[in-house]
Amino acid sequence: MSVAVEASSIGALLRTWRERRRFSQQELSNRSRVSTRHLSRVETGKAHPTPEMIMHLSDNLDVPLRDRNRLLLAGGYAPRYQDRQLDDVSIAVVMDGLRRLLDAHLPYPALLLDDHWDIVDANAAVDQLLTGCAPELLEPPINVVRVCLHPDGLAGRIGNREEWGGHLLQQVSHRAERTHDQRHRELAAEIAGYLDKSDVATPLTGPVVILEIDVDGDPLRFFSTSATLSAATDATLEGLHLETFLPADDETRRRFDKR
């Protein structure tokens, strides 16, 4: 591939990411301290960026690691980030640590999710929440957002389905906006189809969004926290997040504490 073609390809991709972030060239210039003249030359293929420049602009454009590899390849450079399988021995210590966090959160539910909200692992308390879901929804890979809002999943047992569903849709839509991943867009469209338009617009009233769910006839209330690996240099690990649920009232706490 000629340098001119490579420059044109990388320039077009960088322009696409700038437009996705709704940045003008001037705004990106202000953020990155790269002149608008040079940005224009890169985007139009008149200048070929170094790998350091590609990484610098990627930082300022908040480009996910997997897409940074694609930018580097388009520029004619080797990828810098690994993209390992989760069972790769080189990341076993990280996965073991995350799974220990799942067990440490007992007796309350906790899940390890990938970038598309598919369950990678979960602790034993999660089984109580999934009771009664259609078997096909629990076939791996289990998508926790789909399970929550699908009519054959938990939707009928979530007391504040409108509020919780709107919260999940906002999360998925936000990630789709950040990544421009087709799977994120499809998931957002799917779960939007499970909600009424009025559901999505439901105003939030409390300090945190609460999941109200019926389990074996008991109304339980949780709030959730989400944690990611802040220093991930592997594209697969970057997308992992630990979702933990904590009791939002004394009744829910007592039910789980006595187990």
Protein backbone atom coordinates (compact mmCIF):
# COMPACT_ATOMS: atom_id res chain seq x y z
CA MET A 1 0.00 0.00 0.00
CA SER A 2 1.40 3.40 -0.89
CA VAL A 3 1.99 6.07 1.74
CA ALA A 4 -0.52 8.35 -0.01
CA VAL A 5 -3.27 5.75 0.23
CA GLU A 6 -2.37 5.01 3.86
CA ALA A 7 -2.43 8.72 4.70
CA SER A 8 -5.81 9.14 3.08
CA SER A 9 -7.20 6.15 5.00
CA ILE A 10 -5.90 7.23 8.39
CA GLY A 11 -6.95 10.82 7.75
CA ALA A 12 -10.51 9.80 6.91
CA LEU A 13 -10.74 7.62 10.03
CA LEU A 14 -9.45 10.38 12.30
CA ARG A 15 -11.92 12.81 10.78
CA THR A 16 -14.71 10.28 11.39
CA TRP A 17 -13.77 9.99 15.07
CA ARG A 18 -13.57 13.77 15.39
CA GLU A 19 -17.06 14.11 13.91
CA ARG A 20 -18.37 11.33 16.16
CA ARG A 21 -17.22 13.35 19.14
CA ARG A 22 -18.84 16.42 17.62
CA PHE A 23 -15.56 18.33 17.73
CA SER A 24 -14.66 21.00 15.24
CA GLN A 25 -11.05 21.03 14.08
CA GLN A 26 -10.58 24.10 16.29
CA GLU A 27 -11.90 22.31 19.37
CA LEU A 28 -9.69 19.28 18.75
CA SER A 29 -6.77 21.64 18.18
CA ASN A 30 -7.44 23.33 21.53
CA ARG A 31 -7.63 19.99 23.31
CA SER A 32 -4.65 18.34 21.65
CA ARG A 33 -2.40 21.40 21.09
CA VAL A 34 -2.06 20.35 17.46
CA SER A 35 -2.57 23.18 14.98
CA THR A 36 -5.73 23.23 12.90
CA ARG A 37 -3.54 23.49 9.81
CA HIS A 38 -1.79 20.22 10.63
CA LEU A 39 -5.08 18.52 11.57
CA SER A 40 -6.52 19.58 8.23
CA ARG A 41 -3.49 18.24 6.37
CA VAL A 42 -3.73 14.91 8.19
CA GLU A 43 -7.46 14.56 7.55
CA THR A 44 -7.12 15.35 3.84
CA GLY A 45 -4.15 13.01 3.38
CA LYS A 46 -1.62 15.76 2.73
CA ALA A 47 0.35 14.84 5.87
CA HIS A 48 1.06 11.37 7.21
CA PRO A 49 0.77 11.17 11.03
CA THR A 50 3.39 9.40 13.11
CA PRO A 51 2.22 6.61 15.43
CA GLU A 52 2.78 9.01 18.34
CA MET A 53 0.47 11.56 16.71
CA ILE A 54 -2.19 8.91 16.12
CA MET A 55 -2.00 7.88 19.78
CA HIS A 56 -2.07 11.50 20.94
CA LEU A 57 -5.18 12.30 18.90
CA SER A 58 -6.79 9.02 19.99
CA ASP A 59 -6.32 10.06 23.62
CA ASN A 60 -8.04 13.38 22.99
CA LEU A 61 -10.83 11.72 21.01
CA ASP A 62 -11.40 9.00 23.65
CA VAL A 63 -11.01 6.25 21.05
CA PRO A 64 -11.44 2.71 22.48
CA LEU A 65 -8.31 0.55 22.43
CA ARG A 66 -9.54 -1.84 19.74
CA ASP A 67 -10.22 1.11 17.45
CA ARG A 68 -6.83 2.62 18.22
CA ASN A 69 -5.31 -0.54 16.80
CA ARG A 70 -7.37 -0.03 13.65
CA LEU A 71 -6.16 3.54 13.37
CA LEU A 72 -2.55 2.44 13.70
CA LEU A 73 -3.02 -0.24 11.06
CA ALA A 74 -4.63 2.29 8.72
CA GLY A 75 -1.58 4.47 9.21
CA GLY A 76 0.73 1.60 8.29
CA TYR A 77 1.89 0.86 11.84
CA ALA A 78 1.73 -2.18 14.10
CA PRO A 79 -1.08 -2.37 16.68
CA ARG A 80 -0.05 -1.50 20.24
CA TYR A 81 -2.81 -3.17 22.24
CA GLN A 82 -3.35 -6.88 22.77
CA ASP A 83 -6.83 -8.29 22.24
CA ARG A 84 -6.71 -11.57 24.12
CA GLN A 85 -9.35 -14.18 24.79
CA LEU A 86 -10.59 -14.16 28.38
CA ASP A 87 -9.14 -17.64 28.97
CA ASP A 88 -5.67 -16.58 27.84
CA VAL A 89 -3.09 -17.59 30.46
CA SER A 90 -1.41 -14.17 30.23
CA ILE A 91 -4.41 -12.46 31.83
CA ALA A 92 -5.32 -15.30 34.20
CA VAL A 93 -4.19 -13.37 37.27
CA VAL A 94 -6.47 -10.45 36.33
CA MET A 95 -9.46 -12.71 35.72
CA ASP A 96 -8.80 -14.57 38.97
CA GLY A 97 -8.72 -11.28 40.85
CA LEU A 98 -12.01 -10.16 39.33
CA ARG A 99 -13.67 -13.48 40.16
CA ARG A 100 -12.46 -13.16 43.75
CA LEU A 101 -14.23 -9.80 43.90
CA LEU A 102 -17.44 -11.51 42.80
CA ASP A 103 -17.22 -13.98 45.69
CA ALA A 104 -16.16 -11.26 48.12
CA HIS A 105 -19.42 -9.42 47.40
CA LEU A 106 -21.53 -12.32 48.70
CA PRO A 107 -24.18 -12.58 50.02
CA TYR A 108 -25.25 -9.89 47.53
CA PRO A 109 -25.42 -10.34 43.73
CA ALA A 110 -22.47 -9.39 41.52
CA LEU A 111 -21.71 -9.98 37.86
CA LEU A 112 -18.67 -9.64 35.63
CA LEU A 113 -19.85 -8.34 32.25
CA ASP A 114 -18.12 -7.78 28.93
CA ASP A 115 -18.41 -4.68 26.79
CA HIS A 116 -21.80 -5.81 25.40
CA TRP A 117 -23.31 -6.71 28.81
CA ASP A 118 -22.86 -10.44 28.24
CA ILE A 119 -22.22 -12.29 31.49
CA VAL A 120 -18.63 -13.50 31.80
CA ASP A 121 -19.12 -14.75 35.36
CA ALA A 122 -21.41 -14.18 38.34
CA ASN A 123 -21.57 -15.13 41.98
CA ALA A 124 -24.09 -17.57 43.41
CA ALA A 125 -26.50 -14.85 44.60
CA VAL A 126 -27.34 -13.92 41.00
CA ASP A 127 -29.13 -17.25 40.53
CA GLN A 128 -31.92 -16.04 42.83
CA LEU A 129 -32.62 -13.08 40.54
CA LEU A 130 -32.72 -15.15 37.35
CA THR A 131 -35.22 -17.73 38.58
CA GLY A 132 -38.18 -18.08 36.22
CA CYS A 133 -36.54 -16.67 33.08
CA ALA A 134 -37.15 -18.48 29.81
CA PRO A 135 -34.42 -21.12 29.26
CA GLU A 136 -33.41 -19.66 25.89
CA LEU A 137 -32.54 -16.35 27.56
CA LEU A 138 -30.17 -18.18 29.90
CA GLU A 139 -28.22 -19.90 27.13
CA PRO A 140 -24.68 -18.48 26.91
CA PRO A 141 -23.86 -15.82 26.13
CA ILE A 142 -26.43 -14.43 28.57
CA ASN A 143 -27.04 -10.74 27.96
CA VAL A 144 -28.08 -9.20 31.26
CA VAL A 145 -29.78 -6.16 29.68
CA ARG A 146 -31.88 -8.41 27.45
CA VAL A 147 -32.77 -10.67 30.38
CA CYS A 148 -33.91 -7.66 32.42
CA LEU A 149 -36.28 -6.22 29.83
CA HIS A 150 -37.37 -9.15 27.66
CA PRO A 151 -41.03 -10.14 28.26
CA ASP A 152 -39.89 -13.73 28.96
CA GLY A 153 -37.14 -12.54 31.27
CA LEU A 154 -37.38 -10.39 34.36
CA ALA A 155 -39.61 -7.65 32.94
CA GLY A 156 -42.75 -8.99 34.61
CA ARG A 157 -41.05 -9.05 38.02
CA ILE A 158 -39.43 -5.61 37.92
CA GLY A 159 -41.74 -3.27 39.80
CA ASN A 160 -40.25 -0.08 38.36
CA ARG A 161 -39.71 -1.42 34.87
CA GLU A 162 -40.12 2.02 33.29
CA GLU A 163 -37.46 3.67 35.43
CA TRP A 164 -35.02 0.74 35.37
CA GLY A 165 -35.54 0.17 31.64
CA GLY A 166 -34.92 3.82 30.86
CA HIS A 167 -31.74 3.68 32.93
CA LEU A 168 -30.45 0.62 31.03
CA LEU A 169 -31.34 2.13 27.67
CA GLN A 170 -29.45 5.30 28.56
CA GLN A 171 -26.36 3.25 29.48
CA VAL A 172 -26.40 1.21 26.27
CA SER A 173 -27.13 4.24 24.10
CA HIS A 174 -24.27 6.15 25.73
CA ARG A 175 -21.85 3.30 25.06
CA ALA A 176 -23.08 2.99 21.48
CA GLU A 177 -22.41 6.69 21.04
CA ARG A 178 -18.89 6.30 22.41
CA THR A 179 -17.88 3.16 20.51
CA HIS A 180 -20.05 3.28 17.37
CA ASP A 181 -20.07 -0.51 17.68
CA GLN A 182 -22.84 -2.08 15.60
CA ARG A 183 -23.65 -4.59 18.36
CA HIS A 184 -24.18 -1.73 20.81
CA ARG A 185 -26.51 -0.01 18.37
CA GLU A 186 -28.47 -3.21 17.79
CA LEU A 187 -28.79 -3.85 21.53
CA ALA A 188 -30.00 -0.30 22.12
CA ALA A 189 -32.60 -0.69 19.36
CA GLU A 190 -33.71 -4.05 20.76
CA ILE A 191 -34.28 -2.88 24.32
CA ALA A 192 -35.92 0.34 23.12
CA GLY A 193 -38.46 -1.96 21.48
CA TYR A 194 -39.31 -3.45 24.87
CA LEU A 195 -40.12 -0.01 26.31
CA ASP A 196 -42.88 2.49 25.68
CA LYS A 197 -41.75 5.97 24.67
CA SER A 198 -43.29 7.25 27.88
CA ASP A 199 -41.17 4.76 29.83
CA VAL A 200 -37.94 6.22 28.48
CA ALA A 201 -39.01 9.74 29.45
CA THR A 202 -39.91 8.82 33.04
CA PRO A 203 -38.28 11.40 35.36
CA LEU A 204 -35.95 10.08 38.05
CA THR A 205 -36.96 10.95 41.59
CA GLY A 206 -34.40 9.42 43.97
CA PRO A 207 -30.68 9.96 44.59
CA VAL A 208 -29.87 6.71 42.72
CA VAL A 209 -31.81 4.48 40.34
CA ILE A 210 -33.26 1.54 42.28
CA LEU A 211 -33.97 -1.92 40.90
CA GLU A 212 -37.25 -3.13 42.41
CA ILE A 213 -37.65 -6.84 41.72
CA ASP A 214 -39.92 -9.56 43.03
CA VAL A 215 -38.08 -12.74 44.09
CA ASP A 216 -40.21 -15.64 45.33
CA GLY A 217 -42.97 -13.22 46.30
CA ASP A 218 -40.67 -10.86 48.18
CA PRO A 219 -40.25 -7.32 46.85
CA LEU A 220 -36.52 -6.60 46.88
CA ARG A 221 -34.77 -3.29 46.23
CA PHE A 222 -31.16 -2.81 45.09
CA PHE A 223 -28.90 -0.09 43.86
CA SER A 224 -25.94 -0.97 41.69
CA THR A 225 -22.33 0.10 41.26
CA SER A 226 -20.13 -0.45 38.23
CA ALA A 227 -16.33 -0.70 38.20
CA THR A 228 -13.88 -1.00 35.31
CA LEU A 229 -10.15 -1.62 35.03
CA SER A 230 -8.75 1.89 35.02
CA ALA A 231 -5.34 0.89 33.62
CA ALA A 232 -6.31 -1.73 31.03
CA THR A 233 -3.95 -2.03 28.07
CA ASP A 234 -5.77 -5.01 26.57
CA ALA A 235 -8.79 -4.33 24.37
CA THR A 236 -10.82 -7.18 25.85
CA LEU A 237 -10.06 -6.21 29.46
CA GLU A 238 -10.94 -2.58 28.71
CA GLY A 239 -14.55 -3.60 28.09
CA LEU A 240 -15.01 -5.64 31.27
CA HIS A 241 -16.99 -4.15 34.10
CA LEU A 242 -17.97 -5.46 37.49
CA GLU A 243 -21.62 -4.82 38.32
CA THR A 244 -22.44 -5.18 42.01
CA PHE A 245 -25.83 -4.89 43.70
CA LEU A 246 -26.37 -3.64 47.23
CA PRO A 247 -29.54 -3.65 49.36
CA ALA A 248 -31.52 -0.43 49.18
CA ASP A 249 -33.64 -1.23 52.24
CA ASP A 250 -33.50 -3.27 55.42
CA GLU A 251 -35.87 -5.98 54.18
CA THR A 252 -33.62 -6.79 51.23
CA ARG A 253 -30.54 -6.79 53.46
CA ARG A 254 -32.14 -9.15 55.95
CA ARG A 255 -33.18 -11.61 53.23
CA PHE A 256 -29.63 -11.94 51.93
CA ASP A 257 -27.80 -11.66 55.25
CA LYS A 258 -29.60 -14.68 56.68
CA ARG A 259 -28.41 -16.95 53.87
